[in-house]
Protein backbone atom coordinates (compact mmCIF):
# COMPACT_ATOMS: atom_id res chain seq x y z
CA MET A 1 -29.51 -0.11 17.03
CA ALA A 2 -27.01 -1.94 19.25
CA ALA A 3 -29.86 -3.27 21.43
CA ARG A 4 -31.56 -4.69 18.34
CA ASN A 5 -28.36 -6.44 17.22
CA THR A 6 -27.83 -7.80 20.73
CA GLY A 7 -31.38 -9.17 20.79
CA ALA A 8 -30.92 -10.84 17.42
CA LEU A 9 -27.62 -12.32 18.57
CA VAL A 10 -29.26 -13.74 21.72
CA VAL A 11 -32.02 -15.35 19.64
CA LEU A 12 -29.46 -16.80 17.22
CA VAL A 13 -27.36 -18.25 20.03
CA ALA A 14 -30.47 -19.74 21.66
CA LEU A 15 -31.52 -21.38 18.39
CA LEU A 16 -28.05 -22.80 17.84
CA ALA A 17 -28.05 -24.19 21.39
CA ILE A 18 -31.41 -25.90 20.81
CA ILE A 19 -30.18 -27.42 17.55
CA ALA A 20 -26.97 -28.63 19.19
CA LEU A 21 -28.88 -30.23 22.07
CA GLU A 22 -31.20 -32.00 19.65
CA LEU A 23 -28.29 -33.39 17.65
CA TRP A 24 -26.33 -34.47 20.73
CA SER A 25 -29.34 -36.07 22.41
CA ARG A 26 -29.84 -38.54 19.58
CA SER A 27 -28.55 -41.98 20.47
CA PRO A 28 -25.37 -42.97 18.69
CA HIS A 29 -26.84 -46.47 18.67
CA SER A 30 -30.07 -45.77 16.82
CA VAL A 31 -31.09 -48.51 14.39
CA SER A 32 -32.31 -47.04 11.12
CA THR A 33 -32.34 -49.92 8.62
CA PRO A 34 -33.62 -53.49 8.53
CA ALA A 35 -30.07 -54.76 8.00
CA ALA A 36 -28.88 -52.93 11.12
CA ALA A 37 -31.80 -54.37 13.09
CA VAL A 38 -30.94 -57.92 11.99
CA ALA A 39 -27.28 -57.37 12.87
CA LYS A 40 -28.25 -56.02 16.32
CA ALA A 41 -30.54 -59.04 16.88
CA LYS A 42 -27.77 -61.48 15.96
CA ALA A 43 -25.34 -59.73 18.29
CA SER A 44 -27.93 -59.84 21.07
CA TRP A 45 -28.58 -63.57 20.57
CA ALA A 46 -24.84 -64.23 20.65
CA SER A 47 -24.52 -62.22 23.86
CA VAL A 48 -27.34 -64.14 25.53
CA TYR A 49 -25.83 -67.44 24.41
CA ALA A 50 -22.42 -66.48 25.77
CA LYS A 51 -23.96 -65.76 29.18
CA THR A 52 -26.52 -68.59 29.41
CA ARG A 53 -25.55 -71.26 26.89
CA TYR A 54 -29.24 -71.50 25.99
CA PRO A 55 -29.22 -73.64 22.82
CA GLY A 56 -31.86 -71.59 21.04
CA TYR A 57 -29.37 -68.73 20.71
CA ASP A 58 -26.45 -70.90 19.61
CA ALA A 59 -24.92 -69.68 16.33
CA THR A 60 -25.73 -72.99 14.62
CA ASN A 61 -29.40 -72.74 15.58
CA VAL A 62 -29.58 -69.05 14.63
CA ALA A 63 -28.13 -69.92 11.20
CA ARG A 64 -30.90 -72.51 10.63
CA PHE A 65 -33.45 -69.71 10.27
CA GLU A 66 -31.61 -67.49 7.77
CA PRO A 67 -32.54 -65.21 6.20
CA TYR A 68 -33.89 -62.95 8.92
CA THR A 69 -36.27 -60.09 8.25
CA ALA A 70 -36.94 -56.92 10.19
CA GLU A 71 -40.19 -54.99 10.11
CA LEU A 72 -40.55 -51.57 11.75
CA ARG A 73 -43.72 -51.23 13.85
CA ASP A 74 -44.35 -48.17 16.00
CA GLY A 75 -40.64 -47.43 16.49
CA THR A 76 -39.63 -51.04 17.17
CA TRP A 77 -37.97 -53.43 14.76
CA ILE A 78 -39.46 -56.94 14.90
CA VAL A 79 -36.78 -59.40 13.78
CA SER A 80 -37.71 -62.95 12.89
CA GLY A 81 -36.30 -65.85 10.93
CA THR A 82 -37.57 -67.92 8.06
CA VAL A 83 -39.64 -70.92 9.10
CA ARG A 84 -38.60 -74.01 7.14
CA PRO A 85 -40.43 -77.31 6.63
CA GLY A 86 -40.14 -79.33 9.82
CA THR A 87 -39.88 -76.23 12.03
CA THR A 88 -42.38 -73.80 13.48
CA SER A 89 -42.21 -70.17 14.46
CA ALA A 90 -41.86 -71.43 18.04
CA ASP A 91 -38.41 -72.77 17.06
CA THR A 92 -37.00 -69.44 15.88
CA PRO A 93 -35.11 -66.82 17.85
CA GLN A 94 -37.00 -63.52 17.86
CA ALA A 95 -35.94 -59.99 18.76
CA ARG A 96 -37.44 -56.56 19.26
CA ILE A 97 -35.04 -53.69 18.67
CA ARG A 98 -36.00 -50.12 19.55
CA GLN A 99 -35.25 -47.86 16.62
CA ASP A 100 -34.29 -44.79 18.65
CA ASP A 101 -31.69 -46.30 21.00
CA GLY A 102 -31.03 -49.87 19.84
CA PHE A 103 -32.26 -51.49 23.07
CA ALA A 104 -32.87 -55.18 22.32
CA SER A 105 -35.12 -57.74 23.92
CA VAL A 106 -34.90 -61.31 22.71
CA SER A 107 -37.21 -64.27 22.94
CA TYR A 108 -37.42 -67.72 21.52
CA GLY A 109 -40.37 -68.25 19.21
CA HIS A 110 -43.68 -66.40 19.31
């Protein structure tokens, strides 16, 4: 009887360890909503501007294309701005944000 209880305890501990590893392996920076993806994109554009002074990522230019939308495609958020009369999609800052870890890549236009 004691061997059976010990075996059950070992299985229980193993299952708890697997669950704990799964929970701890998830990125604390995962991006789960469109609003979070847009916020991450804006922070990324600001970071690039601070390092490069590239005018496309200047806060004034980014604001020109509000509101921004985020669409989830195959685990990646595609963030883009609103194209206004007199502008094209080539004028807008773009971003791709990985849903699982929040890694961002930015570009200017399509």
